[in-house]
Amino acid sequence: MRLPSSIFVSVSLFTAETTAALYLSSTYRSAGDQIWQGLTLLFTLVPSVLVQLTLTFIHRDLNRDRPLILLLHILQLGPIVRCLEAFCIYGGVGRVEEPYVSITRKKQMPRGGQSEEVERQVGQAEGKLFTHRAAFARTSVIQAFLGSAPQLTLQLYICVLQQGVSIGRGTLMVISLLSIVYGALRCNILAIKIKYDDYEVDVRPTAYLCIFLWRSFEIASRVVVLVLFSSVLQLWVLPVVLLNFLVFFLYPWILFWHSHSPFPENIEKTLTRVGTTIVLCMLTFLYAGINMFCWSAVQVKLSDPDLINKSQNWYRMAAYYLVRFVENASLLLLWYLYKTDFYKFFCAPLLVLQLLVAYAIAIFFMLVFYQFCHPCRRLFSSSMSQYLWNCSALLCLVCDSSSPPSRQNGPAGKSPGPARSAPDTASDTTDETSYDMLDGTTNENANEMGNNASGVNGDITHNVSRDATAGRAIQRSITPSVTFLSAT
């Protein structure tokens, strides 16, 4: 049985960030900055309350007679108590023989096209530890994107306004950044385990390293872009944030309404329809908070019984990163146009370039993770490299169709009538071959292109016999197209 180290890391980050935020709010109070004090406490207490409610909901404490645990959750000490409880369960494993065990069946990763199913016994203690790990994985995501991410953005904005970084503020920003990256990492691992629940998933250290670097560059560059934009255009940052938030909050509901699926009733038996609606709204609220700062590995699908989209949609991911890259570039351009005298000590073009390159590095590590380090990459219906090849082929198709074929006129300034059909035939063949290349039927159309090319050369020879001068001009204009088709 594995040591519950992830629980210890989650509780350590939660405790450290709460302590640092409370200390920093006291310094704001001493300095008379009541607005900064109020916002710092808001981004500390609200996620803390949500964490307590999540732990209570997952462990079903409301249906059990545990008044002391409920009191500690009210005092915001629930994560610490749960961590101690998890380590006590881990320490007591093997000392007392358990009355019964459950048997689970998991598939191994396919090797050579075959996947074996392995049975293993799971005792009560291991089942309880599994519940604790699942609960803290979810609370880490809540703490990261509903508390740490707004907190980091706020404190960095205050540093820009006050043109200085204090020890307390710098400590809180470092802890918040670590909490966000860890929450994003737990979100990735949670998505993998939910999507491939039937398989025995083994995440290697290289995968953790790729996810850490991917999320660090992505989140850090996104936060800096938002802070720079808000420092020069304070009135416009609210519409940008609200638009992003509303789009991702309403997107799962729009898909659910479009699917005409029944209202999900299997979330919790004790919940009424109103309670289920509140839980779903909180889920989409968290989903919007994640996508505000980075790509959410867990895609919400309200029409699914598990509320999670288990399919791997590369096109949706590519669309998100493309739009987000354009948005970051636009916000940086507006900051560059309206920057104040405070930024005269910085090389503004270099800063813009560094932020865009940092976001591109994040995308690079994301591609490396899905192509080489994903623990379930053998189960992908299509790999990331195949998707990129299809996108490049489609892009070449669009470029070829948008560019008109070149035509050369004869000496008299007019091209003969029969020669007009040759470029059109070649263009049609090019489009047909490009489409068929995406479906893997390039070889069949290559023979057809050879026949078409032979037909075109026959027409040229016939025209040369009529008019030698016009025929040589036509042959010069058609030969590059025929060569291009043969190479394709």
Protein backbone atom coordinates (compact mmCIF):
# COMPACT_ATOMS: atom_id res chain seq x y z
CA MET A 1 0.00 0.00 0.00
CA ARG A 2 1.38 3.37 -1.00
CA LEU A 3 2.13 6.10 1.52
CA PRO A 4 -0.56 8.84 1.36
CA SER A 5 2.02 11.47 0.39
CA SER A 6 -0.39 13.33 -1.93
CA ILE A 7 -2.67 13.98 1.05
CA PHE A 8 0.24 15.41 3.03
CA VAL A 9 1.25 17.70 0.15
CA SER A 10 -2.32 18.96 -0.29
CA VAL A 11 -2.74 19.73 3.42
CA SER A 12 0.71 21.36 3.63
CA LEU A 13 -0.03 23.73 0.74
CA PHE A 14 -3.50 24.50 2.14
CA THR A 15 -2.13 25.28 5.62
CA ALA A 16 0.86 27.28 4.37
CA GLU A 17 -1.21 29.41 2.02
CA THR A 18 -3.89 30.12 4.63
CA THR A 19 -1.27 31.09 7.22
CA ALA A 20 0.59 33.36 4.79
CA ALA A 21 -2.66 35.01 3.66
CA LEU A 22 -3.78 35.70 7.23
CA TYR A 23 -0.39 37.25 8.06
CA LEU A 24 -0.43 39.39 4.93
CA SER A 25 -3.98 40.58 5.63
CA SER A 26 -2.83 41.71 9.09
CA THR A 27 -0.06 43.78 7.49
CA TYR A 28 -2.60 45.34 5.14
CA ARG A 29 -4.74 46.23 8.14
CA SER A 30 -1.79 47.85 9.89
CA ALA A 31 -1.03 49.88 6.76
CA GLY A 32 -4.67 50.96 6.41
CA ASP A 33 -5.27 49.13 3.09
CA GLN A 34 -8.72 47.81 3.89
CA ILE A 35 -9.57 46.95 0.28
CA TRP A 36 -6.50 44.74 -0.14
CA GLN A 37 -7.13 43.20 3.27
CA GLY A 38 -10.74 42.36 2.38
CA LEU A 39 -9.86 40.83 -1.01
CA THR A 40 -7.00 38.79 0.50
CA LEU A 41 -9.33 37.36 3.15
CA LEU A 42 -12.04 36.74 0.54
CA PHE A 43 -9.75 34.63 -1.66
CA THR A 44 -8.66 32.72 1.46
CA LEU A 45 -11.91 32.01 3.30
CA VAL A 46 -14.22 31.24 0.34
CA PRO A 47 -12.12 28.34 -1.04
CA SER A 48 -11.52 27.14 2.52
CA VAL A 49 -15.28 26.87 3.11
CA LEU A 50 -15.71 25.05 -0.23
CA VAL A 51 -12.95 22.61 0.75
CA GLN A 52 -14.71 21.83 4.05
CA LEU A 53 -18.02 21.25 2.26
CA THR A 54 -16.37 18.99 -0.32
CA LEU A 55 -14.71 16.81 2.32
CA THR A 56 -17.97 16.57 4.25
CA PHE A 57 -19.92 15.68 1.11
CA ILE A 58 -17.49 13.00 -0.12
CA HIS A 59 -17.15 11.31 3.28
CA ARG A 60 -20.95 11.53 3.88
CA ASP A 61 -20.50 12.94 7.37
CA LEU A 62 -24.01 14.39 7.39
CA ASN A 63 -25.48 10.87 7.39
CA ARG A 64 -23.17 9.66 10.18
CA ASP A 65 -23.06 10.48 13.85
CA ARG A 66 -19.76 12.37 13.97
CA PRO A 67 -20.43 15.73 15.66
CA LEU A 68 -16.75 16.33 16.54
CA ILE A 69 -15.68 16.02 12.90
CA LEU A 70 -18.42 18.40 11.81
CA LEU A 71 -17.34 20.91 14.47
CA LEU A 72 -13.73 20.78 13.28
CA HIS A 73 -14.90 21.37 9.71
CA ILE A 74 -16.83 24.43 10.87
CA LEU A 75 -13.62 25.68 12.49
CA GLN A 76 -11.86 25.21 9.11
CA LEU A 77 -9.66 22.44 10.51
CA GLY A 78 -11.17 19.62 8.47
CA PRO A 79 -8.19 18.99 6.11
CA ILE A 80 -5.77 18.63 9.03
CA VAL A 81 -8.03 16.14 10.81
CA ARG A 82 -8.59 14.15 7.61
CA CYS A 83 -4.84 14.00 7.00
CA LEU A 84 -4.20 12.65 10.51
CA GLU A 85 -6.99 10.14 10.04
CA ALA A 86 -5.50 8.93 6.74
CA PHE A 87 -2.04 8.43 8.29
CA CYS A 88 -3.57 6.58 11.25
CA ILE A 89 -5.31 4.22 8.83
CA TYR A 90 -2.05 3.71 6.94
CA GLY A 91 -0.15 3.02 10.14
CA GLY A 92 -2.69 0.43 11.30
CA VAL A 93 -2.61 -1.64 8.11
CA GLY A 94 -1.62 -5.27 8.76
CA ARG A 95 -1.91 -5.12 12.53
CA VAL A 96 -5.48 -6.43 12.66
CA GLU A 97 -6.88 -9.03 10.30
CA GLU A 98 -9.76 -7.57 8.34
CA PRO A 99 -13.06 -9.48 8.41
CA TYR A 100 -13.62 -9.28 4.65
CA VAL A 101 -12.08 -7.88 1.52
CA SER A 102 -13.42 -6.85 -1.88
CA ILE A 103 -12.07 -8.05 -5.22
CA THR A 104 -11.38 -5.57 -8.01
CA ARG A 105 -10.58 -6.33 -11.63
CA LYS A 106 -8.32 -4.05 -13.60
CA LYS A 107 -6.95 -4.39 -17.12
CA GLN A 108 -3.29 -3.94 -17.82
CA MET A 109 -1.99 -1.75 -20.58
CA PRO A 110 -2.19 -3.67 -23.88
CA ARG A 111 1.10 -5.16 -25.07
CA GLY A 112 1.21 -6.73 -28.48
CA GLY A 113 -2.46 -5.99 -29.05
CA GLN A 114 -3.61 -7.99 -25.98
CA SER A 115 -4.72 -6.77 -22.57
CA GLU A 116 -4.81 -9.05 -19.53
CA GLU A 117 -7.25 -8.63 -16.65
CA VAL A 118 -5.78 -8.83 -13.16
CA GLU A 119 -7.70 -9.45 -9.94
CA ARG A 120 -6.56 -8.07 -6.62
CA GLN A 121 -7.98 -7.95 -3.11
CA VAL A 122 -8.75 -4.60 -1.53
CA GLY A 123 -9.21 -4.42 2.20
CA GLN A 124 -11.25 -1.95 4.20
CA ALA A 125 -8.23 0.14 5.14
CA GLU A 126 -7.09 0.46 1.54
CA GLY A 127 -10.64 1.38 0.49
CA LYS A 128 -10.76 4.13 3.11
CA LEU A 129 -7.39 5.47 1.95
CA PHE A 130 -8.65 5.47 -1.62
CA THR A 131 -11.61 7.62 -0.52
CA HIS A 132 -9.26 10.02 1.28
CA ARG A 133 -7.01 10.34 -1.77
CA ALA A 134 -9.96 10.99 -4.08
CA ALA A 135 -11.35 13.62 -1.71
CA PHE A 136 -8.06 15.50 -1.39
CA ALA A 137 -7.47 15.33 -5.16
CA ARG A 138 -10.73 17.22 -5.66
CA THR A 139 -10.08 19.70 -2.85
CA SER A 140 -6.63 20.47 -4.30
CA VAL A 141 -8.26 21.49 -7.58
CA ILE A 142 -10.83 23.65 -5.74
CA GLN A 143 -8.17 25.32 -3.62
CA ALA A 144 -5.94 25.93 -6.64
CA PHE A 145 -8.37 27.58 -9.06
CA LEU A 146 -10.94 29.17 -6.77
CA GLY A 147 -8.45 30.43 -4.21
CA SER A 148 -4.78 30.33 -5.17
CA ALA A 149 -5.17 31.58 -8.77
CA PRO A 150 -7.21 34.71 -7.84
CA GLN A 151 -4.92 35.26 -4.86
CA LEU A 152 -1.77 35.16 -7.00
CA THR A 153 -3.30 37.53 -9.55
CA LEU A 154 -4.34 39.97 -6.81
CA GLN A 155 -0.98 40.03 -5.03
CA LEU A 156 0.97 40.44 -8.29
CA TYR A 157 -1.34 43.32 -9.23
CA ILE A 158 -0.64 44.97 -5.85
CA CYS A 159 3.10 44.55 -6.44
CA VAL A 160 2.79 46.38 -9.77
CA LEU A 161 0.78 49.22 -8.23
CA GLN A 162 3.04 49.66 -5.21
CA GLN A 163 6.21 49.03 -7.27
CA GLY A 164 7.65 46.67 -4.70
CA VAL A 165 7.50 43.16 -3.29
CA SER A 166 7.46 42.60 0.46
CA ILE A 167 8.59 39.36 2.10
CA GLY A 168 5.07 38.37 3.14
CA ARG A 169 3.58 39.09 -0.28
CA GLY A 170 6.38 37.29 -2.11
CA THR A 171 6.01 34.24 0.13
CA LEU A 172 2.27 34.11 -0.48
CA MET A 173 2.74 34.41 -4.26
CA VAL A 174 5.26 31.55 -4.35
CA ILE A 175 3.00 29.28 -2.29
CA SER A 176 -0.02 30.22 -4.42
CA LEU A 177 1.84 29.41 -7.64
CA LEU A 178 2.90 26.03 -6.27
CA SER A 179 -0.67 25.35 -5.16
CA ILE A 180 -2.04 26.19 -8.63
CA VAL A 181 0.48 24.00 -10.44
CA TYR A 182 -0.11 21.13 -8.01
CA GLY A 183 -3.87 21.49 -8.41
CA ALA A 184 -3.54 21.41 -12.21
CA LEU A 185 -1.31 18.32 -11.93
CA ARG A 186 -3.88 16.58 -9.73
CA CYS A 187 -6.57 17.56 -12.25
CA ASN A 188 -4.60 15.84 -15.04
CA ILE A 189 -4.07 12.67 -13.00
CA LEU A 190 -7.71 12.67 -11.91
CA ALA A 191 -8.86 12.96 -15.53
CA ILE A 192 -6.66 10.03 -16.55
CA LYS A 193 -7.97 7.80 -13.77
CA ILE A 194 -11.60 8.70 -14.50
CA LYS A 195 -11.32 8.16 -18.25
CA TYR A 196 -9.40 4.89 -17.94
CA ASP A 197 -11.02 3.52 -14.80
CA ASP A 198 -10.97 -0.06 -16.16
CA TYR A 199 -7.18 -0.06 -16.50
CA GLU A 200 -4.31 -0.20 -14.05
CA VAL A 201 -2.74 3.23 -14.56
CA ASP A 202 0.91 3.73 -13.65
CA VAL A 203 2.07 7.35 -13.94
CA ARG A 204 5.85 7.59 -14.33
CA PRO A 205 8.06 10.41 -12.95
CA THR A 206 8.72 11.74 -16.47
CA ALA A 207 4.97 12.26 -16.88
CA TYR A 208 4.81 14.22 -13.63
CA LEU A 209 7.76 16.33 -14.76
CA CYS A 210 6.16 17.10 -18.14
CA ILE A 211 2.85 18.05 -16.53
CA PHE A 212 4.64 20.25 -13.97
CA LEU A 213 6.59 22.15 -16.63
CA TRP A 214 3.55 22.38 -18.93
CA ARG A 215 1.30 23.82 -16.22
CA SER A 216 3.98 26.08 -14.72
CA PHE A 217 4.68 27.93 -17.99
CA GLU A 218 1.00 28.04 -18.95
CA ILE A 219 -0.35 29.40 -15.66
CA ALA A 220 2.51 31.79 -14.92
CA SER A 221 2.36 33.42 -18.37
CA ARG A 222 -1.44 33.68 -18.19
CA VAL A 223 -1.38 35.38 -14.78
CA VAL A 224 1.29 37.87 -15.84
CA VAL A 225 -0.66 38.75 -18.99
CA LEU A 226 -3.83 39.44 -16.98
CA VAL A 227 -1.93 41.54 -14.45
CA LEU A 228 -0.17 43.63 -17.10
CA PHE A 229 -3.44 44.27 -18.93
CA SER A 230 -5.31 45.19 -15.74
CA SER A 231 -2.55 47.58 -14.65
CA VAL A 232 -3.15 49.90 -17.64
CA LEU A 233 -6.81 49.25 -18.50
CA GLN A 234 -8.55 48.72 -15.17
CA LEU A 235 -12.06 49.25 -16.52
CA TRP A 236 -11.68 46.72 -19.34
CA VAL A 237 -10.31 43.84 -17.32
CA LEU A 238 -13.70 43.10 -15.75
CA PRO A 239 -15.50 42.55 -19.11
CA VAL A 240 -12.63 40.31 -20.29
CA VAL A 241 -12.76 38.17 -17.14
CA LEU A 242 -16.56 37.97 -17.11
CA LEU A 243 -16.73 37.04 -20.78
CA ASN A 244 -14.20 34.23 -20.29
CA PHE A 245 -15.96 33.00 -17.19
CA LEU A 246 -19.47 33.06 -18.64
CA VAL A 247 -18.42 31.29 -21.84
CA PHE A 248 -16.93 28.33 -19.96
CA PHE A 249 -19.68 28.33 -17.34
CA LEU A 250 -22.50 28.17 -19.90
CA TYR A 251 -20.75 25.90 -22.40
CA PRO A 252 -21.54 22.59 -20.57
CA TRP A 253 -25.15 23.68 -20.06
CA ILE A 254 -25.55 24.55 -23.76
CA LEU A 255 -24.23 21.12 -24.75
CA PHE A 256 -26.56 19.49 -22.23
CA TRP A 257 -29.55 21.40 -23.57
CA HIS A 258 -28.58 20.57 -27.16
CA SER A 259 -28.32 16.82 -26.37
CA HIS A 260 -31.94 16.69 -25.04
CA SER A 261 -30.79 14.35 -22.26
CA PRO A 262 -32.82 13.85 -19.07
CA PHE A 263 -31.86 15.75 -15.95
CA PRO A 264 -29.15 13.81 -14.03
CA GLU A 265 -30.64 12.24 -10.93
CA ASN A 266 -27.91 9.78 -9.92
CA ILE A 267 -25.43 12.20 -8.32
CA GLU A 268 -26.62 11.55 -4.77
CA LYS A 269 -29.75 9.73 -3.67
CA THR A 270 -30.39 12.06 -0.74
CA LEU A 271 -30.26 15.20 -2.89
CA THR A 272 -33.40 16.81 -4.21
CA ARG A 273 -33.63 18.34 -7.67
CA VAL A 274 -32.68 21.73 -6.23
CA GLY A 275 -29.68 20.25 -4.44
CA THR A 276 -28.59 18.45 -7.62
CA THR A 277 -28.86 21.71 -9.55
CA ILE A 278 -26.69 23.48 -6.97
CA VAL A 279 -24.05 20.73 -7.18
CA LEU A 280 -24.02 20.92 -11.00
CA CYS A 281 -23.71 24.71 -10.89
CA MET A 282 -20.76 24.42 -8.51
CA LEU A 283 -19.16 21.88 -10.84
CA THR A 284 -19.50 24.14 -13.89
CA PHE A 285 -18.33 27.09 -11.74
CA LEU A 286 -15.13 25.20 -10.94
CA TYR A 287 -14.81 24.19 -14.61
CA ALA A 288 -14.98 27.86 -15.64
CA GLY A 289 -12.42 28.81 -12.99
CA ILE A 290 -9.96 26.22 -14.30
CA ASN A 291 -10.33 27.26 -17.94
CA MET A 292 -9.81 30.89 -16.98
CA PHE A 293 -6.15 30.13 -16.28
CA CYS A 294 -5.37 26.88 -18.12
CA TRP A 295 -6.85 24.02 -20.11
CA SER A 296 -9.06 21.78 -17.97
CA ALA A 297 -8.03 18.15 -18.35
CA VAL A 298 -11.41 17.13 -16.90
CA GLN A 299 -14.06 18.04 -19.47
CA VAL A 300 -17.53 18.37 -17.96
CA LYS A 301 -20.36 16.58 -19.77
CA LEU A 302 -23.67 16.91 -17.92
CA SER A 303 -25.42 14.36 -20.14
CA ASP A 304 -22.98 11.61 -19.09
CA PRO A 305 -23.81 9.55 -15.96
CA ASP A 306 -20.33 10.31 -14.56
CA LEU A 307 -20.61 14.00 -15.60
CA ILE A 308 -17.23 13.65 -17.34
CA ASN A 309 -16.45 13.50 -21.05
CA LYS A 310 -14.25 10.42 -21.41
CA SER A 311 -13.35 10.90 -25.07
CA GLN A 312 -10.10 12.57 -26.14
CA ASN A 313 -11.01 15.52 -28.36
CA TRP A 314 -7.83 16.89 -29.91
CA TYR A 315 -9.71 19.50 -31.97
CA ARG A 316 -11.29 21.08 -28.89
CA MET A 317 -7.91 21.27 -27.18
CA ALA A 318 -6.29 22.78 -30.28
CA ALA A 319 -9.09 25.35 -30.58
CA TYR A 320 -8.69 26.32 -26.92
CA TYR A 321 -4.93 26.87 -27.14
CA LEU A 322 -5.22 28.73 -30.43
CA VAL A 323 -7.87 31.11 -29.09
CA ARG A 324 -6.02 31.56 -25.79
CA PHE A 325 -2.75 32.34 -27.58
CA VAL A 326 -4.49 34.96 -29.74
CA GLU A 327 -6.18 36.43 -26.67
CA ASN A 328 -2.90 36.68 -24.74
CA ALA A 329 -1.22 38.32 -27.74
CA SER A 330 -4.10 40.82 -28.06
CA LEU A 331 -4.00 41.72 -24.36
CA LEU A 332 -0.23 42.19 -24.53
CA LEU A 333 -0.60 44.40 -27.59
CA LEU A 334 -3.12 46.60 -25.76
CA TRP A 335 -0.80 46.77 -22.77
CA TYR A 336 2.08 47.79 -25.02
CA LEU A 337 0.02 50.58 -26.60
CA TYR A 338 -1.28 51.99 -23.30
CA LYS A 339 1.62 51.26 -20.93
CA THR A 340 2.48 53.90 -18.34
CA ASP A 341 5.81 55.47 -17.41
CA PHE A 342 6.34 52.80 -14.75
CA TYR A 343 7.27 50.30 -17.47
CA LYS A 344 9.95 52.55 -19.01
CA PHE A 345 12.54 50.65 -16.96
CA PHE A 346 11.55 47.42 -18.76
CA CYS A 347 12.16 46.44 -22.34
CA ALA A 348 8.51 46.12 -23.33
CA PRO A 349 9.01 44.28 -26.67
CA LEU A 350 11.31 41.76 -24.98
CA LEU A 351 8.76 41.19 -22.19
CA VAL A 352 5.98 40.56 -24.72
CA LEU A 353 8.20 38.14 -26.62
CA GLN A 354 9.16 36.30 -23.42
CA LEU A 355 5.52 35.81 -22.38
CA LEU A 356 4.50 34.51 -25.80
CA VAL A 357 7.50 32.18 -25.91
CA ALA A 358 6.67 30.94 -22.39
CA TYR A 359 3.15 30.05 -23.52
CA ALA A 360 4.59 28.32 -26.61
CA ILE A 361 6.94 26.32 -24.34
CA ALA A 362 3.91 25.24 -22.30
CA ILE A 363 2.26 23.96 -25.49
CA PHE A 364 5.48 22.14 -26.39
CA PHE A 365 5.58 20.26 -23.06
CA MET A 366 1.90 19.47 -23.47
CA LEU A 367 2.62 17.86 -26.86
CA VAL A 368 5.55 15.92 -25.38
CA PHE A 369 3.34 14.62 -22.58
CA TYR A 370 0.55 13.37 -24.82
CA GLN A 371 2.92 11.92 -27.42
CA PHE A 372 5.55 10.23 -25.25
CA CYS A 373 4.70 10.34 -21.51
CA HIS A 374 0.95 9.74 -21.23
CA PRO A 375 0.43 6.46 -19.32
CA CYS A 376 -2.50 5.41 -21.55
CA ARG A 377 -1.23 6.60 -24.92
CA ARG A 378 -1.54 3.04 -26.31
CA LEU A 379 -5.32 3.36 -25.91
CA PHE A 380 -5.63 6.53 -28.00
CA SER A 381 -7.70 6.07 -31.14
CA SER A 382 -5.49 8.70 -32.82
CA SER A 383 -2.16 10.03 -31.63
CA MET A 384 -1.15 13.66 -31.30
CA SER A 385 1.35 13.35 -34.17
CA GLN A 386 -1.33 11.94 -36.47
CA TYR A 387 -3.62 14.82 -35.56
CA LEU A 388 -0.89 17.36 -36.30
CA TRP A 389 -0.22 15.68 -39.64
CA ASN A 390 -3.92 15.87 -40.52
CA CYS A 391 -4.01 19.55 -39.56
CA SER A 392 -0.95 20.32 -41.68
CA ALA A 393 -2.44 18.42 -44.63
CA LEU A 394 -5.70 20.32 -44.25
CA LEU A 395 -3.78 23.61 -44.08
CA CYS A 396 -1.91 22.74 -47.27
CA LEU A 397 -5.23 21.92 -48.90
CA VAL A 398 -6.67 25.30 -47.96
CA CYS A 399 -3.57 27.10 -49.25
CA ASP A 400 -3.65 25.19 -52.55
CA SER A 401 -7.35 25.83 -53.10
CA SER A 402 -7.04 29.54 -52.29
CA SER A 403 -4.15 30.18 -54.71
CA PRO A 404 -5.30 30.42 -58.40
CA PRO A 405 -3.34 28.32 -60.94
CA SER A 406 -0.81 30.32 -62.98
CA ARG A 407 -1.53 30.68 -66.69
CA GLN A 408 0.77 32.03 -69.38
CA ASN A 409 -0.45 33.56 -72.60
CA GLY A 410 0.90 32.95 -76.07
CA PRO A 411 2.87 35.41 -78.14
CA ALA A 412 -0.26 37.03 -79.47
CA GLY A 413 -1.48 37.76 -75.93
CA LYS A 414 -4.26 35.13 -76.08
CA SER A 415 -4.09 31.49 -75.15
CA PRO A 416 -5.71 28.94 -77.46
CA GLY A 417 -9.09 27.55 -76.56
CA PRO A 418 -8.24 23.84 -76.05
CA ALA A 419 -5.47 24.63 -73.55
CA ARG A 420 -7.88 26.16 -70.99
CA SER A 421 -9.15 22.83 -69.71
CA ALA A 422 -5.69 21.54 -68.75
CA PRO A 423 -5.07 23.75 -65.67
CA ASP A 424 -8.66 23.20 -64.47
CA THR A 425 -8.20 19.44 -64.75
CA ALA A 426 -4.92 19.61 -62.87
CA SER A 427 -6.47 21.78 -60.13
CA ASP A 428 -9.39 19.41 -59.67
CA THR A 429 -7.01 16.48 -59.43
CA THR A 430 -4.93 18.28 -56.80
CA ASP A 431 -7.96 18.97 -54.61
CA GLU A 432 -9.20 15.40 -54.94
CA THR A 433 -5.79 13.99 -54.04
CA SER A 434 -5.45 16.26 -51.00
CA TYR A 435 -8.84 15.21 -49.62
CA ASP A 436 -8.10 11.53 -50.21
CA MET A 437 -4.76 11.87 -48.47
CA LEU A 438 -6.58 12.53 -45.20
CA ASP A 439 -8.43 9.23 -45.58
CA GLY A 440 -5.33 7.21 -46.49
CA THR A 441 -6.20 6.65 -50.17
CA THR A 442 -3.40 8.58 -51.77
CA ASN A 443 -1.93 5.65 -53.67
CA GLU A 444 -5.11 4.95 -55.60
CA ASN A 445 -5.46 8.52 -56.78
CA ALA A 446 -1.79 8.68 -57.72
CA ASN A 447 -2.46 6.35 -60.65
CA GLU A 448 -5.41 8.46 -61.70
CA MET A 449 -3.23 11.55 -61.61
CA GLY A 450 -0.71 9.79 -63.83
CA ASN A 451 -3.44 9.00 -66.34
CA ASN A 452 -4.71 12.57 -66.20
CA ALA A 453 -1.20 13.85 -66.68
CA SER A 454 -0.77 11.59 -69.70
CA GLY A 455 -4.04 12.93 -71.11
CA VAL A 456 -2.85 16.46 -70.66
CA ASN A 457 0.44 15.73 -72.39
CA GLY A 458 -1.51 14.15 -75.27
CA ASP A 459 -3.55 17.31 -75.64
CA ILE A 460 -0.38 19.37 -75.64
CA THR A 461 1.18 17.24 -78.38
CA HIS A 462 -1.94 17.62 -80.48
CA ASN A 463 -1.85 21.39 -80.03
CA VAL A 464 1.81 21.56 -80.97
CA SER A 465 1.03 19.95 -84.31
CA ARG A 466 -1.46 22.74 -84.99
CA ASP A 467 0.50 25.70 -83.86
CA ALA A 468 4.14 25.26 -82.90
CA THR A 469 4.59 28.60 -81.22
CA ALA A 470 1.40 28.38 -79.11
CA GLY A 471 2.10 24.74 -78.28
CA ARG A 472 5.53 25.54 -76.79
CA ALA A 473 3.95 28.23 -74.61
CA ILE A 474 1.24 25.87 -73.40
CA GLN A 475 3.76 23.15 -72.65
CA ARG A 476 5.85 25.56 -70.56
CA SER A 477 2.76 26.51 -68.50
CA ILE A 478 1.46 22.96 -67.98
CA THR A 479 4.70 21.10 -67.31
CA PRO A 480 5.20 22.53 -63.73
CA SER A 481 1.64 21.51 -62.81
CA VAL A 482 2.15 18.00 -64.14
CA THR A 483 5.47 17.71 -62.28
CA PHE A 484 3.78 18.91 -59.04
CA LEU A 485 1.01 16.33 -59.43
CA SER A 486 3.46 13.53 -60.08
CA ALA A 487 5.48 14.50 -56.96
CA THR A 488 2.31 14.62 -54.89
